[in-house]
Amino acid sequence: QARLRQLSMIEAISPILERRIPYNLEELKLIDCKIHAAQISQLMNQLTEHSQIKKLALVGVHHNIRSFDALVEFVEASETIQEIDLSRSVVIRGSWLKFAKVLETNRSLTNVQLGFN
């Protein structure tokens, strides 16, 4: 039942994520949300496909391999992301290396926060 509510939340914000300039969403913060990794993956896929978001915060979020890979793919594909906050994220060991490699080539990020990881 809780999982259905979360899926509905992602589906509900999908039209907002798909808006184009000048009506686009510029900032999304999910802080200490009890959201499943599958929904994080779905959200990252939506952002990768449709969004022109500039600031993203996923603070205190628990990732699995797929959700973190989807996040890395988003950062790699995005030309608009400027700030990302992944503080207090629970990530599978070894996944940070993938993220670090993407940071080497990303030209739009100006602020990355990884506190307490």
Protein backbone atom coordinates (compact mmCIF):
# COMPACT_ATOMS: atom_id res chain seq x y z
CA GLN A 1 0.00 0.00 0.00
CA ALA A 2 2.81 2.45 0.87
CA ARG A 3 4.63 1.45 -2.31
CA LEU A 4 1.53 2.30 -4.37
CA ARG A 5 1.36 5.74 -2.75
CA GLN A 6 5.02 6.40 -3.66
CA LEU A 7 4.51 5.26 -7.23
CA SER A 8 1.53 7.57 -7.44
CA MET A 9 3.68 10.43 -6.13
CA ILE A 10 6.22 9.93 -8.94
CA GLU A 11 3.43 9.69 -11.49
CA ALA A 12 1.80 12.79 -10.02
CA ILE A 13 4.91 14.96 -10.37
CA SER A 14 5.75 13.65 -13.84
CA PRO A 15 3.88 16.47 -15.66
CA ILE A 16 5.79 19.01 -13.57
CA LEU A 17 9.13 17.43 -14.51
CA GLU A 18 8.23 17.55 -18.20
CA ARG A 19 7.58 21.30 -18.32
CA ARG A 20 9.79 23.31 -20.66
CA ILE A 21 11.35 26.74 -20.22
CA PRO A 22 10.09 29.15 -18.90
CA TYR A 23 7.72 26.94 -16.87
CA ASN A 24 10.22 24.24 -16.01
CA LEU A 25 11.00 22.99 -12.53
CA GLU A 26 14.46 24.24 -11.55
CA GLU A 27 14.91 22.62 -8.13
CA LEU A 28 13.83 19.35 -6.53
CA LYS A 29 14.65 18.43 -2.93
CA LEU A 30 13.85 15.05 -1.40
CA ILE A 31 15.20 15.21 2.12
CA ASP A 32 14.80 12.28 4.51
CA CYS A 33 11.97 10.85 2.42
CA LYS A 34 11.06 7.22 2.87
CA ILE A 35 11.13 6.47 -0.82
CA HIS A 36 12.01 3.08 -2.28
CA ALA A 37 15.00 2.71 -4.55
CA ALA A 38 12.69 1.62 -7.39
CA GLN A 39 10.91 4.96 -7.20
CA ILE A 40 14.25 6.79 -7.15
CA SER A 41 15.17 4.93 -10.34
CA GLN A 42 11.88 5.91 -11.92
CA LEU A 43 12.37 9.53 -10.86
CA MET A 44 15.92 9.61 -12.25
CA ASN A 45 14.68 8.17 -15.55
CA GLN A 46 11.99 10.87 -15.72
CA LEU A 47 14.58 13.55 -15.02
CA THR A 48 16.96 12.14 -17.63
CA GLU A 49 14.28 11.98 -20.31
CA HIS A 50 12.32 15.17 -19.69
CA SER A 51 13.73 17.56 -17.14
CA GLN A 52 15.84 20.69 -17.29
CA ILE A 53 16.37 20.75 -13.54
CA LYS A 54 19.27 22.79 -12.16
CA LYS A 55 19.35 21.72 -8.50
CA LEU A 56 18.72 18.25 -7.08
CA ALA A 57 18.88 17.14 -3.45
CA LEU A 58 18.53 13.48 -2.49
CA VAL A 59 19.47 13.74 1.17
CA GLY A 60 19.19 10.73 3.47
CA VAL A 61 18.04 8.49 0.63
CA HIS A 62 18.73 4.74 0.46
CA HIS A 63 19.95 3.64 -2.97
CA ASN A 64 20.32 0.23 -4.51
CA ILE A 65 22.61 -0.43 -7.49
CA ARG A 66 19.92 0.40 -10.06
CA SER A 67 18.80 3.64 -8.44
CA PHE A 68 22.35 4.91 -8.06
CA ASP A 69 23.19 3.90 -11.63
CA ALA A 70 20.12 5.84 -12.78
CA LEU A 71 21.35 8.85 -10.79
CA VAL A 72 24.79 8.57 -12.40
CA GLU A 73 23.19 8.33 -15.85
CA PHE A 74 21.14 11.45 -15.11
CA VAL A 75 24.23 13.44 -14.07
CA GLU A 76 26.09 12.18 -17.13
CA ALA A 77 23.26 13.09 -19.55
CA SER A 78 22.14 16.38 -18.02
CA GLU A 79 23.35 19.62 -19.54
CA THR A 80 21.46 21.74 -17.00
CA ILE A 81 22.26 20.25 -13.57
CA GLN A 82 24.35 22.73 -11.60
CA GLU A 83 24.00 21.56 -8.01
CA ILE A 84 23.52 18.15 -6.47
CA ASP A 85 23.30 17.21 -2.79
CA LEU A 86 23.68 13.53 -1.92
CA SER A 87 24.44 14.05 1.77
CA ARG A 88 23.71 11.15 4.13
CA SER A 89 22.90 8.85 1.21
CA VAL A 90 23.13 5.12 1.70
CA VAL A 91 24.92 3.76 -1.35
CA ILE A 92 26.23 0.32 -2.27
CA ARG A 93 29.98 0.11 -1.76
CA GLY A 94 31.88 0.85 -4.95
CA SER A 95 29.15 2.97 -6.50
CA TRP A 96 30.84 6.24 -5.59
CA LEU A 97 33.61 5.46 -8.07
CA LYS A 98 31.07 5.53 -10.94
CA PHE A 99 29.82 8.89 -9.71
CA ALA A 100 33.35 10.29 -9.42
CA LYS A 101 34.14 9.28 -13.01
CA VAL A 102 31.04 11.12 -14.26
CA LEU A 103 32.08 14.20 -12.30
CA GLU A 104 35.36 14.27 -14.24
CA THR A 105 33.51 14.90 -17.51
CA ASN A 106 30.45 16.89 -16.36
CA ARG A 107 30.72 20.53 -17.43
CA SER A 108 27.60 21.96 -15.81
CA LEU A 109 27.94 21.00 -12.11
CA THR A 110 29.25 23.81 -9.94
CA ASN A 111 28.29 22.47 -6.49
CA VAL A 112 28.39 18.86 -5.24
CA GLN A 113 27.60 18.05 -1.61
CA LEU A 114 28.44 14.60 -0.27
CA GLY A 115 28.44 15.21 3.49
CA PHE A 116 28.30 12.25 5.90
CA ASN A 117 28.79 9.53 3.29
